[in-house]
Amino acid sequence: MKVVAQRILVVEDEPAIAESVAYALRRDGFTVEVAGTCEAANQKAPDSDLIVLDLMLPDGSGFDLIGAWRRAASSVPIIVLSSRDGEADRVAALETGADDYVMKPFSPREVVARVRAVLRRVGGPRADGASAEADSGALPLAVDAATRRAHVDGKLLELTRVEFDLLASLLESPGRVYTRAQIIDKVWGDGFAITDRTIDSHVKSLRKKVAEAGGDPGLIETVRGVGYRVTDEPRAQTERP
């Protein structure tokens, strides 16, 4: 199913790559803007429903753009395009706030598929679109699927799209252990090469934000060799997930 009239910003300084991606997206029914610099990207980002972002730009780094947008509380989904194939770069991009990472060389059709998949997930893991908060009983953690807001002890959490969907998935059944495979299916869906390290990095970031808001990061508990759960008997999680 095509997503019609949604606005995609392609931030890429190589004209051939930018135009091939833009052409493929326009053929699929999207409205596309192209920016070749950080400055142009910052001007066009507020009007975008999703951003396809190269990490290497002539006037700055894509990492800096992601960080600035997330610090400004922007929740626009971001798909990184990069020729940097090291695991450290992929993890850094996702931890900074990117929603997906596509390595060059790539097929423009693959980028379109990734765009469509991320946009399908923007509404969160609950397919019914209900506005009620996830039933977390007496837990201090809560999410609202309609407003995409999360709280700990009544304090608002500033989460990325992936962090919100991860927390919402765990809160669907507090106390239940979700395997990493189940988390990938609920948060990313099929067709994504998501590693355990990627999931662990998002959990680590989520715990950090819970702690910064005054909550107990141990509410998100590691079940070693299996996965994660939200628990009503939190224990401090001081080691890496």
C-alpha atoms as a PDB file:
ATOM      1  CA  MET A   1       0.000   0.000   0.000  1.00  0.00           C
ATOM      2  CA  LYS A   2       1.402   3.358  -0.946  1.00  0.00           C
ATOM      3  CA  VAL A   3       1.686   6.160   1.574  1.00  0.00           C
ATOM      4  CA  VAL A   4       0.420   9.164  -0.378  1.00  0.00           C
ATOM      5  CA  ALA A   5       1.470  12.794   0.141  1.00  0.00           C
ATOM      6  CA  GLN A   6       3.793  12.172   3.060  1.00  0.00           C
ATOM      7  CA  ARG A   7       6.844  14.399   2.883  1.00  0.00           C
ATOM      8  CA  ILE A   8      10.293  12.845   2.726  1.00  0.00           C
ATOM      9  CA  LEU A   9      13.487  14.868   3.061  1.00  0.00           C
ATOM     10  CA  VAL A  10      16.530  13.305   1.386  1.00  0.00           C
ATOM     11  CA  VAL A  11      19.750  14.762   2.805  1.00  0.00           C
ATOM     12  CA  GLU A  12      22.572  13.681   0.487  1.00  0.00           C
ATOM     13  CA  ASP A  13      25.365  15.702  -1.126  1.00  0.00           C
ATOM     14  CA  GLU A  14      26.035  13.307  -4.014  1.00  0.00           C
ATOM     15  CA  PRO A  15      23.531  14.374  -6.726  1.00  0.00           C
ATOM     16  CA  ALA A  16      23.351  10.965  -8.419  1.00  0.00           C
ATOM     17  CA  ILE A  17      22.449   9.203  -5.165  1.00  0.00           C
ATOM     18  CA  ALA A  18      20.055  11.937  -4.051  1.00  0.00           C
ATOM     19  CA  GLU A  19      18.175  11.940  -7.340  1.00  0.00           C
ATOM     20  CA  SER A  20      17.932   8.158  -7.593  1.00  0.00           C
ATOM     21  CA  VAL A  21      16.460   7.925  -4.091  1.00  0.00           C
ATOM     22  CA  ALA A  22      14.159  10.907  -4.684  1.00  0.00           C
ATOM     23  CA  TYR A  23      12.944   9.456  -7.986  1.00  0.00           C
ATOM     24  CA  ALA A  24      12.144   6.093  -6.405  1.00  0.00           C
ATOM     25  CA  LEU A  25      10.267   7.754  -3.555  1.00  0.00           C
ATOM     26  CA  ARG A  26       8.269  10.014  -5.885  1.00  0.00           C
ATOM     27  CA  ARG A  27       7.303   6.988  -7.988  1.00  0.00           C
ATOM     28  CA  ASP A  28       5.924   5.454  -4.818  1.00  0.00           C
ATOM     29  CA  GLY A  29       3.683   8.445  -4.160  1.00  0.00           C
ATOM     30  CA  PHE A  30       5.757  10.499  -1.725  1.00  0.00           C
ATOM     31  CA  THR A  31       6.455  14.216  -1.859  1.00  0.00           C
ATOM     32  CA  VAL A  32      10.238  14.616  -1.792  1.00  0.00           C
ATOM     33  CA  GLU A  33      12.600  17.467  -0.932  1.00  0.00           C
ATOM     34  CA  VAL A  34      16.370  17.202  -1.383  1.00  0.00           C
ATOM     35  CA  ALA A  35      19.044  18.935   0.686  1.00  0.00           C
ATOM     36  CA  GLY A  36      22.774  18.687   0.121  1.00  0.00           C
ATOM     37  CA  THR A  37      24.041  20.402   3.279  1.00  0.00           C
ATOM     38  CA  CYS A  38      23.356  20.493   7.014  1.00  0.00           C
ATOM     39  CA  GLU A  39      22.151  24.080   6.697  1.00  0.00           C
ATOM     40  CA  ALA A  40      19.585  23.196   4.035  1.00  0.00           C
ATOM     41  CA  ALA A  41      18.519  20.113   5.986  1.00  0.00           C
ATOM     42  CA  ASN A  42      17.827  22.183   9.103  1.00  0.00           C
ATOM     43  CA  GLN A  43      15.658  24.548   7.091  1.00  0.00           C
ATOM     44  CA  LYS A  44      13.567  21.769   5.547  1.00  0.00           C
ATOM     45  CA  ALA A  45      13.423  19.267   8.429  1.00  0.00           C
ATOM     46  CA  PRO A  46      10.473  20.832  10.322  1.00  0.00           C
ATOM     47  CA  ASP A  47       8.139  20.211   7.363  1.00  0.00           C
ATOM     48  CA  SER A  48       9.169  16.573   6.887  1.00  0.00           C
ATOM     49  CA  ASP A  49       7.407  13.355   7.886  1.00  0.00           C
ATOM     50  CA  LEU A  50      10.617  11.332   7.545  1.00  0.00           C
ATOM     51  CA  ILE A  51      14.266  12.121   6.830  1.00  0.00           C
ATOM     52  CA  VAL A  52      16.690   9.997   4.799  1.00  0.00           C
ATOM     53  CA  LEU A  53      20.095  11.212   5.962  1.00  0.00           C
ATOM     54  CA  ASP A  54      23.665  10.751   4.755  1.00  0.00           C
ATOM     55  CA  LEU A  55      26.201  10.909   7.580  1.00  0.00           C
ATOM     56  CA  MET A  56      28.941  12.636   5.579  1.00  0.00           C
ATOM     57  CA  LEU A  57      27.953  16.144   4.462  1.00  0.00           C
ATOM     58  CA  PRO A  58      30.156  19.003   3.226  1.00  0.00           C
ATOM     59  CA  ASP A  59      29.353  21.363   6.114  1.00  0.00           C
ATOM     60  CA  GLY A  60      28.979  18.927   8.993  1.00  0.00           C
ATOM     61  CA  SER A  61      28.104  15.485  10.259  1.00  0.00           C
ATOM     62  CA  GLY A  62      24.819  13.657  10.073  1.00  0.00           C
ATOM     63  CA  PHE A  63      25.448  12.558  13.665  1.00  0.00           C
ATOM     64  CA  ASP A  64      25.319  16.219  14.714  1.00  0.00           C
ATOM     65  CA  LEU A  65      22.038  16.730  12.870  1.00  0.00           C
ATOM     66  CA  ILE A  66      20.421  13.721  14.526  1.00  0.00           C
ATOM     67  CA  GLY A  67      21.575  14.843  17.948  1.00  0.00           C
ATOM     68  CA  ALA A  68      20.355  18.404  17.441  1.00  0.00           C
ATOM     69  CA  TRP A  69      16.942  17.298  16.191  1.00  0.00           C
ATOM     70  CA  ARG A  70      16.465  14.862  19.068  1.00  0.00           C
ATOM     71  CA  ARG A  71      17.566  17.443  21.641  1.00  0.00           C
ATOM     72  CA  ALA A  72      14.934  19.749  20.170  1.00  0.00           C
ATOM     73  CA  ALA A  73      12.372  16.989  20.936  1.00  0.00           C
ATOM     74  CA  SER A  74      11.765  16.259  17.264  1.00  0.00           C
ATOM     75  CA  SER A  75      10.294  12.786  16.792  1.00  0.00           C
ATOM     76  CA  VAL A  76      10.536  12.753  12.987  1.00  0.00           C
ATOM     77  CA  PRO A  77      11.783   9.307  11.893  1.00  0.00           C
ATOM     78  CA  ILE A  78      15.326   9.218  10.509  1.00  0.00           C
ATOM     79  CA  ILE A  79      16.855   6.611   8.197  1.00  0.00           C
ATOM     80  CA  VAL A  80      20.629   6.896   7.888  1.00  0.00           C
ATOM     81  CA  LEU A  81      22.428   6.213   4.598  1.00  0.00           C
ATOM     82  CA  SER A  82      26.130   5.604   5.005  1.00  0.00           C
ATOM     83  CA  SER A  83      29.155   3.965   3.444  1.00  0.00           C
ATOM     84  CA  ARG A  84      30.525   3.470   6.958  1.00  0.00           C
ATOM     85  CA  ASP A  85      29.913  -0.216   7.622  1.00  0.00           C
ATOM     86  CA  GLY A  86      31.446  -0.561  11.070  1.00  0.00           C
ATOM     87  CA  GLU A  87      29.240  -1.815  13.880  1.00  0.00           C
ATOM     88  CA  ALA A  88      30.326   1.127  16.046  1.00  0.00           C
ATOM     89  CA  ASP A  89      28.917   3.604  13.487  1.00  0.00           C
ATOM     90  CA  ARG A  90      25.615   1.732  13.220  1.00  0.00           C
ATOM     91  CA  VAL A  91      25.233   1.542  16.973  1.00  0.00           C
ATOM     92  CA  ALA A  92      26.210   5.214  17.391  1.00  0.00           C
ATOM     93  CA  ALA A  93      23.626   6.326  14.833  1.00  0.00           C
ATOM     94  CA  LEU A  94      20.857   4.305  16.466  1.00  0.00           C
ATOM     95  CA  GLU A  95      21.828   5.426  19.965  1.00  0.00           C
ATOM     96  CA  THR A  96      21.861   9.058  18.832  1.00  0.00           C
ATOM     97  CA  GLY A  97      18.279   8.719  17.636  1.00  0.00           C
ATOM     98  CA  ALA A  98      18.166   7.222  14.142  1.00  0.00           C
ATOM     99  CA  ASP A  99      15.394   4.731  13.423  1.00  0.00           C
ATOM    100  CA  ASP A 100      17.160   2.661  10.770  1.00  0.00           C
ATOM    101  CA  TYR A 101      20.548   2.347   9.062  1.00  0.00           C
ATOM    102  CA  VAL A 102      21.114   1.480   5.396  1.00  0.00           C
ATOM    103  CA  MET A 103      24.625   0.852   4.090  1.00  0.00           C
ATOM    104  CA  LYS A 104      25.886   1.991   0.697  1.00  0.00           C
ATOM    105  CA  PRO A 105      25.734   0.699  -1.942  1.00  0.00           C
ATOM    106  CA  PHE A 106      22.007   0.088  -1.778  1.00  0.00           C
ATOM    107  CA  SER A 107      19.021  -0.305  -4.034  1.00  0.00           C
ATOM    108  CA  PRO A 108      16.661   2.700  -4.153  1.00  0.00           C
ATOM    109  CA  ARG A 109      13.821   0.176  -3.904  1.00  0.00           C
ATOM    110  CA  GLU A 110      15.272  -1.008  -0.605  1.00  0.00           C
ATOM    111  CA  VAL A 111      15.267   2.559   0.699  1.00  0.00           C
ATOM    112  CA  VAL A 112      11.626   2.959  -0.325  1.00  0.00           C
ATOM    113  CA  ALA A 113      10.747  -0.268   1.470  1.00  0.00           C
ATOM    114  CA  ARG A 114      12.560   0.903   4.595  1.00  0.00           C
ATOM    115  CA  VAL A 115      10.759   4.279   4.438  1.00  0.00           C
ATOM    116  CA  ARG A 116       7.380   2.616   4.157  1.00  0.00           C
ATOM    117  CA  ALA A 117       8.173   0.216   7.010  1.00  0.00           C
ATOM    118  CA  VAL A 118       9.320   2.989   9.357  1.00  0.00           C
ATOM    119  CA  LEU A 119       6.269   5.125   8.564  1.00  0.00           C
ATOM    120  CA  ARG A 120       3.998   2.166   9.326  1.00  0.00           C
ATOM    121  CA  ARG A 121       5.605   1.905  12.731  1.00  0.00           C
ATOM    122  CA  VAL A 122       5.360   5.584  13.633  1.00  0.00           C
ATOM    123  CA  GLY A 123       1.919   5.064  15.109  1.00  0.00           C
ATOM    124  CA  GLY A 124       3.362   2.648  17.658  1.00  0.00           C
ATOM    125  CA  PRO A 125       3.019  -1.059  18.282  1.00  0.00           C
ATOM    126  CA  ARG A 126      -0.710  -0.990  19.018  1.00  0.00           C
ATOM    127  CA  ALA A 127      -2.571  -1.555  15.768  1.00  0.00           C
ATOM    128  CA  ASP A 128      -5.947  -0.381  17.057  1.00  0.00           C
ATOM    129  CA  GLY A 129      -4.729   3.182  17.589  1.00  0.00           C
ATOM    130  CA  ALA A 130      -6.338   3.260  21.014  1.00  0.00           C
ATOM    131  CA  SER A 131      -5.718   6.332  23.116  1.00  0.00           C
ATOM    132  CA  ALA A 132      -5.712   4.615  26.476  1.00  0.00           C
ATOM    133  CA  GLU A 133      -2.479   4.191  28.334  1.00  0.00           C
ATOM    134  CA  ALA A 134      -0.922   0.766  28.349  1.00  0.00           C
ATOM    135  CA  ASP A 135      -2.118  -1.118  31.394  1.00  0.00           C
ATOM    136  CA  SER A 136       0.863  -1.094  33.702  1.00  0.00           C
ATOM    137  CA  GLY A 137      -1.014  -1.595  36.947  1.00  0.00           C
ATOM    138  CA  ALA A 138       0.837   0.029  39.835  1.00  0.00           C
ATOM    139  CA  LEU A 139       4.045   0.480  37.853  1.00  0.00           C
ATOM    140  CA  PRO A 140       5.459   3.993  37.672  1.00  0.00           C
ATOM    141  CA  LEU A 141       6.075   3.572  33.919  1.00  0.00           C
ATOM    142  CA  ALA A 142       3.214   4.401  31.536  1.00  0.00           C
ATOM    143  CA  VAL A 143       2.754   5.160  27.831  1.00  0.00           C
ATOM    144  CA  ASP A 144      -0.081   6.675  25.824  1.00  0.00           C
ATOM    145  CA  ALA A 145      -0.290   5.318  22.268  1.00  0.00           C
ATOM    146  CA  ALA A 146      -2.402   8.186  20.903  1.00  0.00           C
ATOM    147  CA  THR A 147      -0.190  11.033  22.099  1.00  0.00           C
ATOM    148  CA  ARG A 148       3.009   8.940  22.015  1.00  0.00           C
ATOM    149  CA  ARG A 149       3.984  10.196  25.432  1.00  0.00           C
ATOM    150  CA  ALA A 150       5.708   8.163  28.118  1.00  0.00           C
ATOM    151  CA  HIS A 151       6.007   8.926  31.812  1.00  0.00           C
ATOM    152  CA  VAL A 152       7.885   7.624  34.823  1.00  0.00           C
ATOM    153  CA  ASP A 153       6.432   8.609  38.213  1.00  0.00           C
ATOM    154  CA  GLY A 154       4.358  11.194  36.349  1.00  0.00           C
ATOM    155  CA  LYS A 155       7.402  12.821  34.709  1.00  0.00           C
ATOM    156  CA  LEU A 156       7.538  13.052  30.929  1.00  0.00           C
ATOM    157  CA  LEU A 157      10.215  10.992  29.174  1.00  0.00           C
ATOM    158  CA  GLU A 158      11.748  12.413  25.989  1.00  0.00           C
ATOM    159  CA  LEU A 159      12.082   9.226  23.941  1.00  0.00           C
ATOM    160  CA  THR A 160      13.014   8.461  20.359  1.00  0.00           C
ATOM    161  CA  ARG A 161      10.519   6.595  18.214  1.00  0.00           C
ATOM    162  CA  VAL A 162      12.290   3.295  18.777  1.00  0.00           C
ATOM    163  CA  GLU A 163      12.620   3.841  22.526  1.00  0.00           C
ATOM    164  CA  PHE A 164       8.911   4.635  22.817  1.00  0.00           C
ATOM    165  CA  ASP A 165       7.880   1.566  20.819  1.00  0.00           C
ATOM    166  CA  LEU A 166      10.251  -0.617  22.836  1.00  0.00           C
ATOM    167  CA  LEU A 167       8.804   0.590  26.144  1.00  0.00           C
ATOM    168  CA  ALA A 168       5.234   0.325  24.878  1.00  0.00           C
ATOM    169  CA  SER A 169       5.862  -3.247  23.754  1.00  0.00           C
ATOM    170  CA  LEU A 170       7.247  -4.263  27.148  1.00  0.00           C
ATOM    171  CA  LEU A 171       4.325  -2.561  28.920  1.00  0.00           C
ATOM    172  CA  GLU A 172       1.742  -4.523  26.945  1.00  0.00           C
ATOM    173  CA  SER A 173       2.293  -7.340  29.469  1.00  0.00           C
ATOM    174  CA  PRO A 174       4.243  -6.151  32.525  1.00  0.00           C
ATOM    175  CA  GLY A 175       6.208  -9.013  34.044  1.00  0.00           C
ATOM    176  CA  ARG A 176       6.272 -11.012  30.815  1.00  0.00           C
ATOM    177  CA  VAL A 177       9.700 -11.736  29.381  1.00  0.00           C
ATOM    178  CA  TYR A 178      10.061 -10.693  25.750  1.00  0.00           C
ATOM    179  CA  THR A 179      12.823 -12.349  23.762  1.00  0.00           C
ATOM    180  CA  ARG A 180      14.997 -10.228  21.508  1.00  0.00           C
ATOM    181  CA  ALA A 181      13.356 -11.877  18.483  1.00  0.00           C
ATOM    182  CA  GLN A 182       9.924 -10.859  19.769  1.00  0.00           C
ATOM    183  CA  ILE A 183      11.137  -7.313  20.402  1.00  0.00           C
ATOM    184  CA  ILE A 184      12.512  -7.071  16.858  1.00  0.00           C
ATOM    185  CA  ASP A 185       9.192  -8.276  15.446  1.00  0.00           C
ATOM    186  CA  LYS A 186       7.142  -5.804  17.501  1.00  0.00           C
ATOM    187  CA  VAL A 187       9.379  -2.744  17.151  1.00  0.00           C
ATOM    188  CA  TRP A 188      11.041  -3.130  13.746  1.00  0.00           C
ATOM    189  CA  GLY A 189       9.006  -5.778  11.920  1.00  0.00           C
ATOM    190  CA  ASP A 190      10.182  -8.263   9.333  1.00  0.00           C
ATOM    191  CA  GLY A 191      13.048  -7.641   6.952  1.00  0.00           C
ATOM    192  CA  PHE A 192      15.401  -5.736   9.240  1.00  0.00           C
ATOM    193  CA  ALA A 193      18.881  -6.974  10.113  1.00  0.00           C
ATOM    194  CA  ILE A 194      18.701  -5.906  13.750  1.00  0.00           C
ATOM    195  CA  THR A 195      21.389  -7.314  16.038  1.00  0.00           C
ATOM    196  CA  ASP A 196      21.200  -8.097  19.751  1.00  0.00           C
ATOM    197  CA  ARG A 197      23.693  -5.278  20.270  1.00  0.00           C
ATOM    198  CA  THR A 198      21.260  -2.812  18.691  1.00  0.00           C
ATOM    199  CA  ILE A 199      18.441  -3.856  21.030  1.00  0.00           C
ATOM    200  CA  ASP A 200      20.759  -3.716  24.033  1.00  0.00           C
ATOM    201  CA  SER A 201      21.868  -0.203  23.055  1.00  0.00           C
ATOM    202  CA  HIS A 202      18.281   1.041  22.900  1.00  0.00           C
ATOM    203  CA  VAL A 203      17.489  -0.549  26.265  1.00  0.00           C
ATOM    204  CA  LYS A 204      20.590   1.090  27.760  1.00  0.00           C
ATOM    205  CA  SER A 205      19.495   4.486  26.407  1.00  0.00           C
ATOM    206  CA  LEU A 206      15.935   3.968  27.658  1.00  0.00           C
ATOM    207  CA  ARG A 207      17.166   3.097  31.158  1.00  0.00           C
ATOM    208  CA  LYS A 208      19.386   6.174  31.169  1.00  0.00           C
ATOM    209  CA  LYS A 209      16.446   8.441  30.359  1.00  0.00           C
ATOM    210  CA  VAL A 210      14.308   6.795  33.040  1.00  0.00           C
ATOM    211  CA  ALA A 211      17.091   7.412  35.566  1.00  0.00           C
ATOM    212  CA  GLU A 212      17.570  11.031  34.435  1.00  0.00           C
ATOM    213  CA  ALA A 213      13.847  11.614  35.047  1.00  0.00           C
ATOM    214  CA  GLY A 214      14.208  10.326  38.607  1.00  0.00           C
ATOM    215  CA  GLY A 215      12.888   6.822  37.993  1.00  0.00           C
ATOM    216  CA  ASP A 216      14.470   3.463  38.707  1.00  0.00           C
ATOM    217  CA  PRO A 217      16.237   2.115  35.583  1.00  0.00           C
ATOM    218  CA  GLY A 218      15.925  -1.373  37.078  1.00  0.00           C
ATOM    219  CA  LEU A 219      12.224  -1.322  36.176  1.00  0.00           C
ATOM    220  CA  ILE A 220      13.423  -2.537  32.778  1.00  0.00           C
ATOM    221  CA  GLU A 221      14.987  -5.822  33.747  1.00  0.00           C
ATOM    222  CA  THR A 222      17.396  -8.037  31.850  1.00  0.00           C
ATOM    223  CA  VAL A 223      16.542 -11.740  31.878  1.00  0.00           C
ATOM    224  CA  ARG A 224      19.899 -13.143  30.960  1.00  0.00           C
ATOM    225  CA  GLY A 225      20.016 -15.395  27.941  1.00  0.00           C
ATOM    226  CA  VAL A 226      16.388 -14.578  27.095  1.00  0.00           C
ATOM    227  CA  GLY A 227      15.483 -10.894  26.771  1.00  0.00           C
ATOM    228  CA  TYR A 228      13.801  -8.118  28.766  1.00  0.00           C
ATOM    229  CA  ARG A 229      10.738  -7.359  30.838  1.00  0.00           C
ATOM    230  CA  VAL A 230       9.210  -4.539  32.831  1.00  0.00           C
ATOM    231  CA  THR A 231       9.102  -5.600  36.462  1.00  0.00           C
ATOM    232  CA  ASP A 232       7.326  -4.357  39.573  1.00  0.00           C
ATOM    233  CA  GLU A 233      10.328  -5.415  41.660  1.00  0.00           C
ATOM    234  CA  PRO A 234      13.096  -3.310  40.094  1.00  0.00           C
ATOM    235  CA  ARG A 235      16.723  -4.021  40.734  1.00  0.00           C
ATOM    236  CA  ALA A 236      19.516  -1.617  39.847  1.00  0.00           C
ATOM    237  CA  GLN A 237      20.859  -2.335  36.346  1.00  0.00           C
ATOM    238  CA  THR A 238      24.404  -1.079  36.570  1.00  0.00           C
ATOM    239  CA  GLU A 239      26.016  -3.420  34.070  1.00  0.00           C
ATOM    240  CA  ARG A 240      25.662  -3.452  30.322  1.00  0.00           C
ATOM    241  CA  PRO A 241      22.360  -5.071  29.125  1.00  0.00           C
END
